[in-house]
Amino acid sequence: MAHRDELLETLGERLRTAGADSSVRLLPAAGVPAGPPVNTLDEAFAFADRLGLPGIVAVPAPAGGAESRQVACPVTLSGSPARCRLPPAAPGKHKGASRLAPGA
């Protein structure tokens, strides 16, 4: 683009001075995808919920234990969707164990 630097400078200045609330209102009105500011986990999960995305998934525990609630994968692939099949390791299960093979 011939005027890329000027465009980036102008956009950056206007976005800084307009503020988040104004930008979130004006950008979609101009056809630019934009969502609300997300600063906390609660806001992230609420935003995912408004978009119809799974923010939390329930993963069954092995041997009939209590299910584990985990953060869903943020990436969606149509041909091979991500799945959470296993719960996290029990606390202390891998304590002291190296995650890499020697010499790796």
Protein backbone atom coordinates (compact mmCIF):
# COMPACT_ATOMS: atom_id res chain seq x y z
CA MET A 1 0.00 0.00 0.00
CA ALA A 2 1.34 3.35 -1.00
CA HIS A 3 0.13 5.21 2.12
CA ARG A 4 0.35 2.43 4.70
CA ASP A 5 2.51 4.34 7.20
CA GLU A 6 0.25 7.40 7.12
CA LEU A 7 -2.85 5.22 7.46
CA LEU A 8 -1.45 3.35 10.46
CA GLU A 9 -0.44 6.59 12.14
CA THR A 10 -3.86 8.17 11.60
CA LEU A 11 -5.75 5.06 12.73
CA GLY A 12 -3.56 4.67 15.80
CA GLU A 13 -4.06 8.29 16.81
CA ARG A 14 -7.83 8.17 16.34
CA LEU A 15 -8.22 4.87 18.18
CA ARG A 16 -6.15 6.20 21.10
CA THR A 17 -8.16 9.41 21.39
CA ALA A 18 -11.61 7.92 20.72
CA GLY A 19 -11.48 5.46 23.61
CA ALA A 20 -12.62 1.85 23.74
CA ASP A 21 -16.36 2.46 24.16
CA SER A 22 -16.52 4.78 21.17
CA SER A 23 -14.36 2.50 19.00
CA VAL A 24 -16.47 -0.57 19.81
CA ARG A 25 -19.54 1.34 18.66
CA LEU A 26 -18.05 3.06 15.58
CA LEU A 27 -15.96 0.25 14.06
CA PRO A 28 -18.81 -2.25 13.52
CA ALA A 29 -20.97 0.57 12.14
CA ALA A 30 -18.24 1.08 9.51
CA GLY A 31 -18.15 -2.65 8.70
CA VAL A 32 -15.02 -3.41 10.76
CA PRO A 33 -15.41 -6.42 13.09
CA ALA A 34 -14.78 -5.36 16.68
CA GLY A 35 -15.81 -6.64 20.08
CA PRO A 36 -15.88 -5.12 23.52
CA PRO A 37 -12.73 -4.68 25.57
CA VAL A 38 -11.90 -7.89 27.42
CA ASN A 39 -9.74 -7.41 30.51
CA THR A 40 -10.77 -10.23 32.85
CA LEU A 41 -11.58 -13.92 32.57
CA ASP A 42 -15.22 -13.20 33.44
CA GLU A 43 -15.41 -10.74 30.52
CA ALA A 44 -13.76 -13.24 28.18
CA PHE A 45 -16.23 -16.00 29.06
CA ALA A 46 -19.20 -13.62 28.84
CA PHE A 47 -18.04 -12.44 25.38
CA ALA A 48 -17.62 -16.04 24.16
CA ASP A 49 -21.12 -16.79 25.45
CA ARG A 50 -22.60 -13.81 23.56
CA LEU A 51 -20.93 -15.10 20.38
CA GLY A 52 -22.31 -18.59 20.95
CA LEU A 53 -18.84 -20.04 21.54
CA PRO A 54 -18.06 -22.54 24.26
CA GLY A 55 -15.89 -20.81 26.87
CA ILE A 56 -15.85 -23.73 29.29
CA VAL A 57 -16.01 -27.44 28.55
CA ALA A 58 -16.75 -30.26 30.97
CA VAL A 59 -14.27 -33.12 30.76
CA PRO A 60 -15.32 -36.43 32.34
CA ALA A 61 -12.91 -37.79 34.91
CA PRO A 62 -11.56 -41.31 34.52
CA ALA A 63 -13.04 -44.04 36.71
CA GLY A 64 -16.26 -42.15 37.33
CA GLY A 65 -14.74 -39.27 39.30
CA ALA A 66 -16.06 -35.73 39.24
CA GLU A 67 -15.90 -33.95 35.90
CA SER A 68 -13.33 -31.23 35.35
CA ARG A 69 -14.36 -27.83 33.98
CA GLN A 70 -11.68 -26.45 31.65
CA VAL A 71 -11.19 -23.55 29.29
CA ALA A 72 -12.34 -24.53 25.79
CA CYS A 73 -9.94 -24.42 22.88
CA PRO A 74 -10.22 -20.94 21.31
CA VAL A 75 -9.52 -22.24 17.79
CA THR A 76 -12.25 -23.87 15.71
CA LEU A 77 -11.29 -26.16 12.84
CA SER A 78 -14.04 -27.56 10.66
CA GLY A 79 -12.21 -30.71 9.55
CA SER A 80 -10.72 -31.71 12.88
CA PRO A 81 -12.26 -29.80 15.79
CA ALA A 82 -10.29 -29.65 19.03
CA ARG A 83 -11.60 -31.80 21.85
CA CYS A 84 -10.71 -31.93 25.53
CA ARG A 85 -10.68 -35.64 26.33
CA LEU A 86 -8.56 -35.86 29.45
CA PRO A 87 -8.67 -33.98 32.74
CA PRO A 88 -5.54 -32.24 34.01
CA ALA A 89 -3.05 -34.35 35.95
CA ALA A 90 -3.68 -34.70 39.67
CA PRO A 91 -1.73 -32.22 41.81
CA GLY A 92 1.78 -33.55 42.47
CA LYS A 93 1.47 -36.40 39.96
CA HIS A 94 4.45 -35.24 37.92
CA LYS A 95 6.38 -33.60 40.74
CA GLY A 96 10.09 -33.93 40.15
CA ALA A 97 9.62 -35.61 36.77
CA SER A 98 11.32 -34.10 33.78
CA ARG A 99 8.97 -33.21 30.96
CA LEU A 100 11.75 -33.64 28.41
CA ALA A 101 13.81 -36.70 27.69
CA PRO A 102 17.45 -36.45 28.79
CA GLY A 103 19.50 -34.63 26.20
CA ALA A 104 16.43 -33.13 24.50
